[in-house]
Amino acid sequence: SHLKESTKKNHLSTLQQLSSYKKNISFKEMNFNLLCDFEHYLLDNGYHANTIVKHMKHVKRYINLAINKGLFTIQRYPFRQYKIKHIETNKEHLTPEELNAIEQLTLTQPESSFQHVLDMFLFCCYTGLRYSDVVRLTNQNFYQIENKLWLIYTTVKTNVQVRLPLPLLFKGKAVKLYEKYHKRQTETLFNFSKKSNSYINQQLKLISKAANIDKRFT
């Protein structure tokens, strides 16, 4: 119950993958062989190695919880033998030309539904916000200080307050996006708080194709 909504959705996605691999898995079946078979199942279905890592970490979390609750014996702990294999990835940045290509996109039907996602992504580009922070923004995070629009928020990940003078960043492009959305009667600025990060990234994948950019941006 203390988990963020986005974290719950991520955990549920792991449960869905486990259920599609094999229905009604009991703790008695949780062993080294099952973890290896589940990993191969995800690989066969085209999942990236680090996505598999994410799912395995979720499984490990709940096995540890089961041990703490006396539902699973520590002697049978399968992660003593199974090692989670994280792969370092080289993240590429967008060039100014690529960012300009995204800004110039004209999204027509049926792609017009992606405009909302694109605007939120661009707002993150202009401000440096993480997904976990941008989806929580409300009108109360924006202040007029000496005739300049400031964004003031506390980060979810580090609990640090950040103060950004929006007109001074990227020629004030974030201000235009704020003005586009702030009058809408929604709980948060971009109204994506109930969507998972993976959902947004799926939309961005299609947007990158529309802009002819051969990079995976998130």
C-alpha atoms as a PDB file:
ATOM      1  CA  SER A   1       0.000   0.000   0.000  1.00  0.00           C
ATOM      2  CA  HIS A   2       3.019   2.303   0.456  1.00  0.00           C
ATOM      3  CA  LEU A   3       4.098   1.830  -3.174  1.00  0.00           C
ATOM      4  CA  LYS A   4       3.691   4.571  -5.749  1.00  0.00           C
ATOM      5  CA  GLU A   5       1.015   3.897  -8.359  1.00  0.00           C
ATOM      6  CA  SER A   6       3.616   3.667 -11.141  1.00  0.00           C
ATOM      7  CA  THR A   7       5.639   1.134  -9.092  1.00  0.00           C
ATOM      8  CA  LYS A   8       2.532  -0.985  -8.526  1.00  0.00           C
ATOM      9  CA  LYS A   9       1.924  -1.043 -12.275  1.00  0.00           C
ATOM     10  CA  ASN A  10       5.492  -2.195 -12.872  1.00  0.00           C
ATOM     11  CA  HIS A  11       5.089  -4.989 -10.326  1.00  0.00           C
ATOM     12  CA  LEU A  12       1.784  -6.011 -11.897  1.00  0.00           C
ATOM     13  CA  SER A  13       3.463  -6.198 -15.299  1.00  0.00           C
ATOM     14  CA  THR A  14       5.873  -8.775 -13.846  1.00  0.00           C
ATOM     15  CA  LEU A  15       2.929 -10.738 -12.430  1.00  0.00           C
ATOM     16  CA  GLN A  16       1.296 -10.687 -15.871  1.00  0.00           C
ATOM     17  CA  GLN A  17       4.473 -12.037 -17.476  1.00  0.00           C
ATOM     18  CA  LEU A  18       4.724 -14.784 -14.862  1.00  0.00           C
ATOM     19  CA  SER A  19       1.085 -15.719 -15.417  1.00  0.00           C
ATOM     20  CA  SER A  20       1.542 -15.873 -19.179  1.00  0.00           C
ATOM     21  CA  TYR A  21       4.646 -18.063 -18.671  1.00  0.00           C
ATOM     22  CA  LYS A  22       2.798 -20.381 -16.271  1.00  0.00           C
ATOM     23  CA  LYS A  23      -0.489 -19.878 -14.459  1.00  0.00           C
ATOM     24  CA  ASN A  24      -0.796 -20.199 -10.680  1.00  0.00           C
ATOM     25  CA  ILE A  25       2.870 -20.590  -9.725  1.00  0.00           C
ATOM     26  CA  SER A  26       3.232 -21.562  -6.075  1.00  0.00           C
ATOM     27  CA  PHE A  27       6.151 -20.669  -3.804  1.00  0.00           C
ATOM     28  CA  LYS A  28       7.039 -24.379  -3.717  1.00  0.00           C
ATOM     29  CA  GLU A  29       7.867 -24.179  -7.434  1.00  0.00           C
ATOM     30  CA  MET A  30      10.129 -21.154  -7.090  1.00  0.00           C
ATOM     31  CA  ASN A  31      13.608 -22.544  -7.669  1.00  0.00           C
ATOM     32  CA  PHE A  32      16.703 -21.948  -9.781  1.00  0.00           C
ATOM     33  CA  ASN A  33      15.353 -23.895 -12.772  1.00  0.00           C
ATOM     34  CA  LEU A  34      12.077 -21.937 -12.847  1.00  0.00           C
ATOM     35  CA  LEU A  35      13.947 -18.615 -12.802  1.00  0.00           C
ATOM     36  CA  CYS A  36      16.146 -19.749 -15.711  1.00  0.00           C
ATOM     37  CA  ASP A  37      13.120 -20.971 -17.673  1.00  0.00           C
ATOM     38  CA  PHE A  38      11.271 -17.705 -17.014  1.00  0.00           C
ATOM     39  CA  GLU A  39      14.311 -15.740 -18.225  1.00  0.00           C
ATOM     40  CA  HIS A  40      14.442 -17.782 -21.449  1.00  0.00           C
ATOM     41  CA  TYR A  41      10.701 -17.287 -21.915  1.00  0.00           C
ATOM     42  CA  LEU A  42      11.152 -13.503 -21.757  1.00  0.00           C
ATOM     43  CA  LEU A  43      14.145 -13.643 -24.125  1.00  0.00           C
ATOM     44  CA  ASP A  44      12.153 -15.732 -26.604  1.00  0.00           C
ATOM     45  CA  ASN A  45       9.402 -13.098 -26.496  1.00  0.00           C
ATOM     46  CA  GLY A  46      11.813 -10.358 -27.508  1.00  0.00           C
ATOM     47  CA  TYR A  47      12.355  -8.572 -24.194  1.00  0.00           C
ATOM     48  CA  HIS A  48      15.550  -6.553 -23.737  1.00  0.00           C
ATOM     49  CA  ALA A  49      18.053  -7.934 -21.211  1.00  0.00           C
ATOM     50  CA  ASN A  50      17.575  -4.987 -18.830  1.00  0.00           C
ATOM     51  CA  THR A  51      13.776  -5.339 -18.987  1.00  0.00           C
ATOM     52  CA  ILE A  52      14.286  -8.959 -17.908  1.00  0.00           C
ATOM     53  CA  VAL A  53      16.492  -7.668 -15.078  1.00  0.00           C
ATOM     54  CA  LYS A  54      13.609  -5.443 -13.944  1.00  0.00           C
ATOM     55  CA  HIS A  55      11.194  -8.402 -13.845  1.00  0.00           C
ATOM     56  CA  MET A  56      13.685 -10.591 -11.995  1.00  0.00           C
ATOM     57  CA  LYS A  57      14.258  -7.895  -9.379  1.00  0.00           C
ATOM     58  CA  HIS A  58      10.504  -7.786  -8.777  1.00  0.00           C
ATOM     59  CA  VAL A  59      10.383 -11.578  -8.341  1.00  0.00           C
ATOM     60  CA  LYS A  60      13.336 -11.361  -5.935  1.00  0.00           C
ATOM     61  CA  ARG A  61      11.618  -8.632  -3.936  1.00  0.00           C
ATOM     62  CA  TYR A  62       8.532 -10.755  -3.324  1.00  0.00           C
ATOM     63  CA  ILE A  63      10.496 -13.899  -2.511  1.00  0.00           C
ATOM     64  CA  ASN A  64      12.380 -11.865   0.115  1.00  0.00           C
ATOM     65  CA  LEU A  65       9.030 -10.600   1.414  1.00  0.00           C
ATOM     66  CA  ALA A  66       7.715 -14.182   1.539  1.00  0.00           C
ATOM     67  CA  ILE A  67      10.775 -15.230   3.568  1.00  0.00           C
ATOM     68  CA  ASN A  68      10.143 -12.382   6.024  1.00  0.00           C
ATOM     69  CA  LYS A  69       6.511 -13.495   6.376  1.00  0.00           C
ATOM     70  CA  GLY A  70       7.450 -17.152   6.897  1.00  0.00           C
ATOM     71  CA  LEU A  71       5.951 -18.306   3.575  1.00  0.00           C
ATOM     72  CA  PHE A  72       9.272 -19.374   2.068  1.00  0.00           C
ATOM     73  CA  THR A  73      12.321 -20.950   3.714  1.00  0.00           C
ATOM     74  CA  ILE A  74      15.650 -19.182   3.340  1.00  0.00           C
ATOM     75  CA  GLN A  75      17.333 -22.557   2.708  1.00  0.00           C
ATOM     76  CA  ARG A  76      15.496 -22.730  -0.656  1.00  0.00           C
ATOM     77  CA  TYR A  77      16.384 -19.174  -1.679  1.00  0.00           C
ATOM     78  CA  PRO A  78      16.824 -19.464  -5.495  1.00  0.00           C
ATOM     79  CA  PHE A  79      18.715 -16.199  -5.952  1.00  0.00           C
ATOM     80  CA  ARG A  80      21.696 -17.684  -4.163  1.00  0.00           C
ATOM     81  CA  GLN A  81      22.408 -19.565  -7.404  1.00  0.00           C
ATOM     82  CA  TYR A  82      20.620 -17.376  -9.949  1.00  0.00           C
ATOM     83  CA  LYS A  83      22.456 -14.106 -10.596  1.00  0.00           C
ATOM     84  CA  ILE A  84      20.634 -11.133 -12.110  1.00  0.00           C
ATOM     85  CA  LYS A  85      22.589 -10.061 -15.197  1.00  0.00           C
ATOM     86  CA  HIS A  86      22.463  -6.296 -15.628  1.00  0.00           C
ATOM     87  CA  ILE A  87      23.898  -4.964 -18.906  1.00  0.00           C
ATOM     88  CA  GLU A  88      25.435  -1.503 -19.075  1.00  0.00           C
ATOM     89  CA  THR A  89      23.897   0.522 -21.895  1.00  0.00           C
ATOM     90  CA  ASN A  90      25.372   3.548 -23.619  1.00  0.00           C
ATOM     91  CA  LYS A  91      22.628   6.158 -23.608  1.00  0.00           C
ATOM     92  CA  GLU A  92      22.725   8.479 -26.585  1.00  0.00           C
ATOM     93  CA  HIS A  93      21.651  12.094 -26.311  1.00  0.00           C
ATOM     94  CA  LEU A  94      19.542  13.861 -28.907  1.00  0.00           C
ATOM     95  CA  THR A  95      21.427  16.303 -31.092  1.00  0.00           C
ATOM     96  CA  PRO A  96      20.035  19.838 -31.587  1.00  0.00           C
ATOM     97  CA  GLU A  97      19.063  18.790 -35.130  1.00  0.00           C
ATOM     98  CA  GLU A  98      17.152  15.756 -33.854  1.00  0.00           C
ATOM     99  CA  LEU A  99      15.392  17.810 -31.183  1.00  0.00           C
ATOM    100  CA  ASN A 100      14.416  20.295 -33.872  1.00  0.00           C
ATOM    101  CA  ALA A 101      13.039  17.456 -36.029  1.00  0.00           C
ATOM    102  CA  ILE A 102      10.843  16.337 -33.102  1.00  0.00           C
ATOM    103  CA  GLU A 103       9.654  19.897 -32.489  1.00  0.00           C
ATOM    104  CA  GLN A 104       8.692  20.246 -36.155  1.00  0.00           C
ATOM    105  CA  LEU A 105       6.624  17.052 -36.224  1.00  0.00           C
ATOM    106  CA  THR A 106       3.089  17.418 -37.504  1.00  0.00           C
ATOM    107  CA  LEU A 107       1.157  14.529 -35.996  1.00  0.00           C
ATOM    108  CA  THR A 108      -1.873  13.675 -38.108  1.00  0.00           C
ATOM    109  CA  GLN A 109      -4.535  11.011 -37.613  1.00  0.00           C
ATOM    110  CA  PRO A 110      -4.194   8.426 -36.234  1.00  0.00           C
ATOM    111  CA  GLU A 111      -0.980   9.822 -34.705  1.00  0.00           C
ATOM    112  CA  SER A 112      -2.595  12.969 -33.266  1.00  0.00           C
ATOM    113  CA  SER A 113      -3.176  11.201 -29.931  1.00  0.00           C
ATOM    114  CA  PHE A 114       0.627  11.179 -29.509  1.00  0.00           C
ATOM    115  CA  GLN A 115       0.851  14.998 -29.423  1.00  0.00           C
ATOM    116  CA  HIS A 116       0.145  15.003 -25.686  1.00  0.00           C
ATOM    117  CA  VAL A 117       3.002  12.554 -25.042  1.00  0.00           C
ATOM    118  CA  LEU A 118       5.291  14.527 -27.337  1.00  0.00           C
ATOM    119  CA  ASP A 119       4.579  17.783 -25.481  1.00  0.00           C
ATOM    120  CA  MET A 120       5.385  16.204 -22.123  1.00  0.00           C
ATOM    121  CA  PHE A 121       8.607  14.731 -23.536  1.00  0.00           C
ATOM    122  CA  LEU A 122       9.659  18.117 -24.904  1.00  0.00           C
ATOM    123  CA  PHE A 123       8.877  19.745 -21.549  1.00  0.00           C
ATOM    124  CA  CYS A 124      11.286  17.235 -19.954  1.00  0.00           C
ATOM    125  CA  CYS A 125      13.923  18.061 -22.599  1.00  0.00           C
ATOM    126  CA  TYR A 126      13.636  21.784 -21.838  1.00  0.00           C
ATOM    127  CA  THR A 127      13.661  21.401 -18.035  1.00  0.00           C
ATOM    128  CA  GLY A 128      15.601  18.193 -17.285  1.00  0.00           C
ATOM    129  CA  LEU A 129      12.744  16.671 -15.272  1.00  0.00           C
ATOM    130  CA  ARG A 130      12.468  12.922 -14.697  1.00  0.00           C
ATOM    131  CA  TYR A 131       9.279  11.072 -15.610  1.00  0.00           C
ATOM    132  CA  SER A 132       8.434  10.614 -11.910  1.00  0.00           C
ATOM    133  CA  ASP A 133       8.562  14.395 -11.410  1.00  0.00           C
ATOM    134  CA  VAL A 134       6.891  15.669 -14.587  1.00  0.00           C
ATOM    135  CA  VAL A 135       3.760  13.516 -14.085  1.00  0.00           C
ATOM    136  CA  ARG A 136       3.240  15.033 -10.612  1.00  0.00           C
ATOM    137  CA  LEU A 137       3.373  18.703 -11.674  1.00  0.00           C
ATOM    138  CA  THR A 138       0.322  20.840 -10.916  1.00  0.00           C
ATOM    139  CA  ASN A 139      -0.383  24.542 -11.381  1.00  0.00           C
ATOM    140  CA  GLN A 140       0.803  25.026  -7.794  1.00  0.00           C
ATOM    141  CA  ASN A 141       4.376  24.257  -8.926  1.00  0.00           C
ATOM    142  CA  PHE A 142       4.506  27.383 -11.123  1.00  0.00           C
ATOM    143  CA  TYR A 143       5.162  30.878  -9.744  1.00  0.00           C
ATOM    144  CA  GLN A 144       5.459  34.366 -11.203  1.00  0.00           C
ATOM    145  CA  ILE A 145       8.608  35.883  -9.677  1.00  0.00           C
ATOM    146  CA  GLU A 146       9.717  39.323 -10.946  1.00  0.00           C
ATOM    147  CA  ASN A 147       7.637  38.837 -14.106  1.00  0.00           C
ATOM    148  CA  LYS A 148       9.277  35.488 -14.871  1.00  0.00           C
ATOM    149  CA  LEU A 149       7.573  32.082 -14.702  1.00  0.00           C
ATOM    150  CA  TRP A 150       9.424  29.776 -12.306  1.00  0.00           C
ATOM    151  CA  LEU A 151       8.956  26.039 -11.864  1.00  0.00           C
ATOM    152  CA  ILE A 152       9.549  24.979  -8.257  1.00  0.00           C
ATOM    153  CA  TYR A 153       9.225  21.335  -7.253  1.00  0.00           C
ATOM    154  CA  THR A 154      10.704  18.669  -4.966  1.00  0.00           C
ATOM    155  CA  THR A 155      12.152  15.624  -6.700  1.00  0.00           C
ATOM    156  CA  VAL A 156      10.601  12.242  -5.935  1.00  0.00           C
ATOM    157  CA  LYS A 157      13.900  10.371  -6.160  1.00  0.00           C
ATOM    158  CA  THR A 158      16.185  12.603  -4.080  1.00  0.00           C
ATOM    159  CA  ASN A 159      13.714  14.817  -2.153  1.00  0.00           C
ATOM    160  CA  VAL A 160      15.607  17.947  -3.245  1.00  0.00           C
ATOM    161  CA  GLN A 161      13.864  21.205  -4.090  1.00  0.00           C
ATOM    162  CA  VAL A 162      14.573  22.480  -7.610  1.00  0.00           C
ATOM    163  CA  ARG A 163      13.883  26.039  -8.806  1.00  0.00           C
ATOM    164  CA  LEU A 164      13.930  26.691 -12.566  1.00  0.00           C
ATOM    165  CA  PRO A 165      13.444  30.075 -14.312  1.00  0.00           C
ATOM    166  CA  LEU A 166      11.623  28.777 -17.394  1.00  0.00           C
ATOM    167  CA  PRO A 167      12.056  31.841 -19.689  1.00  0.00           C
ATOM    168  CA  LEU A 168      15.852  31.428 -19.436  1.00  0.00           C
ATOM    169  CA  LEU A 169      15.874  27.772 -20.586  1.00  0.00           C
ATOM    170  CA  PHE A 170      15.703  26.845 -24.300  1.00  0.00           C
ATOM    171  CA  LYS A 171      14.434  30.333 -25.154  1.00  0.00           C
ATOM    172  CA  GLY A 172      11.382  29.845 -22.933  1.00  0.00           C
ATOM    173  CA  LYS A 173       9.935  26.922 -24.899  1.00  0.00           C
ATOM    174  CA  ALA A 174       8.712  25.245 -21.691  1.00  0.00           C
ATOM    175  CA  VAL A 175       6.624  28.362 -20.935  1.00  0.00           C
ATOM    176  CA  LYS A 176       4.640  27.860 -24.154  1.00  0.00           C
ATOM    177  CA  LEU A 177       3.892  24.261 -23.208  1.00  0.00           C
ATOM    178  CA  TYR A 178       2.804  25.324 -19.719  1.00  0.00           C
ATOM    179  CA  GLU A 179       0.456  27.908 -21.246  1.00  0.00           C
ATOM    180  CA  LYS A 180      -0.989  25.246 -23.547  1.00  0.00           C
ATOM    181  CA  TYR A 181      -1.964  22.920 -20.673  1.00  0.00           C
ATOM    182  CA  HIS A 182      -2.355  24.886 -17.446  1.00  0.00           C
ATOM    183  CA  LYS A 183      -5.974  26.032 -18.037  1.00  0.00           C
ATOM    184  CA  ARG A 184      -7.278  22.498 -18.468  1.00  0.00           C
ATOM    185  CA  GLN A 185      -9.314  21.220 -15.546  1.00  0.00           C
ATOM    186  CA  THR A 186      -7.072  18.255 -14.748  1.00  0.00           C
ATOM    187  CA  GLU A 187      -5.499  17.083 -11.505  1.00  0.00           C
ATOM    188  CA  THR A 188      -1.951  17.354 -12.888  1.00  0.00           C
ATOM    189  CA  LEU A 189      -0.505  19.536 -15.638  1.00  0.00           C
ATOM    190  CA  PHE A 190      -0.095  16.800 -18.254  1.00  0.00           C
ATOM    191  CA  ASN A 191      -2.726  14.440 -16.788  1.00  0.00           C
ATOM    192  CA  PHE A 192      -0.526  11.348 -17.147  1.00  0.00           C
ATOM    193  CA  SER A 193      -0.222  10.385 -13.468  1.00  0.00           C
ATOM    194  CA  LYS A 194      -2.232   7.191 -14.076  1.00  0.00           C
ATOM    195  CA  LYS A 195      -0.117   6.085 -17.042  1.00  0.00           C
ATOM    196  CA  SER A 196       3.058   4.034 -16.559  1.00  0.00           C
ATOM    197  CA  ASN A 197       6.483   5.103 -17.766  1.00  0.00           C
ATOM    198  CA  SER A 198       6.542   2.060 -20.091  1.00  0.00           C
ATOM    199  CA  TYR A 199       3.279   3.236 -21.721  1.00  0.00           C
ATOM    200  CA  ILE A 200       4.811   6.659 -22.415  1.00  0.00           C
ATOM    201  CA  ASN A 201       7.980   5.052 -23.800  1.00  0.00           C
ATOM    202  CA  GLN A 202       5.920   2.932 -26.209  1.00  0.00           C
ATOM    203  CA  GLN A 203       4.364   6.115 -27.568  1.00  0.00           C
ATOM    204  CA  LEU A 204       7.791   7.774 -27.846  1.00  0.00           C
ATOM    205  CA  LYS A 205       9.061   4.812 -29.851  1.00  0.00           C
ATOM    206  CA  LEU A 206       6.402   5.512 -32.481  1.00  0.00           C
ATOM    207  CA  ILE A 207       7.135   9.238 -32.338  1.00  0.00           C
ATOM    208  CA  SER A 208      10.855   8.597 -32.987  1.00  0.00           C
ATOM    209  CA  LYS A 209       9.911   6.637 -36.115  1.00  0.00           C
ATOM    210  CA  ALA A 210       7.683   9.483 -37.293  1.00  0.00           C
ATOM    211  CA  ALA A 211      10.659  11.868 -36.903  1.00  0.00           C
ATOM    212  CA  ASN A 212      13.008   9.384 -38.674  1.00  0.00           C
ATOM    213  CA  ILE A 213      15.304   9.254 -35.643  1.00  0.00           C
ATOM    214  CA  ASP A 214      17.114   5.947 -35.189  1.00  0.00           C
ATOM    215  CA  LYS A 215      17.590   6.321 -31.435  1.00  0.00           C
ATOM    216  CA  ARG A 216      15.638   5.001 -28.491  1.00  0.00           C
ATOM    217  CA  PHE A 217      14.659   7.968 -26.352  1.00  0.00           C
ATOM    218  CA  THR A 218      12.656   7.714 -23.143  1.00  0.00           C
END
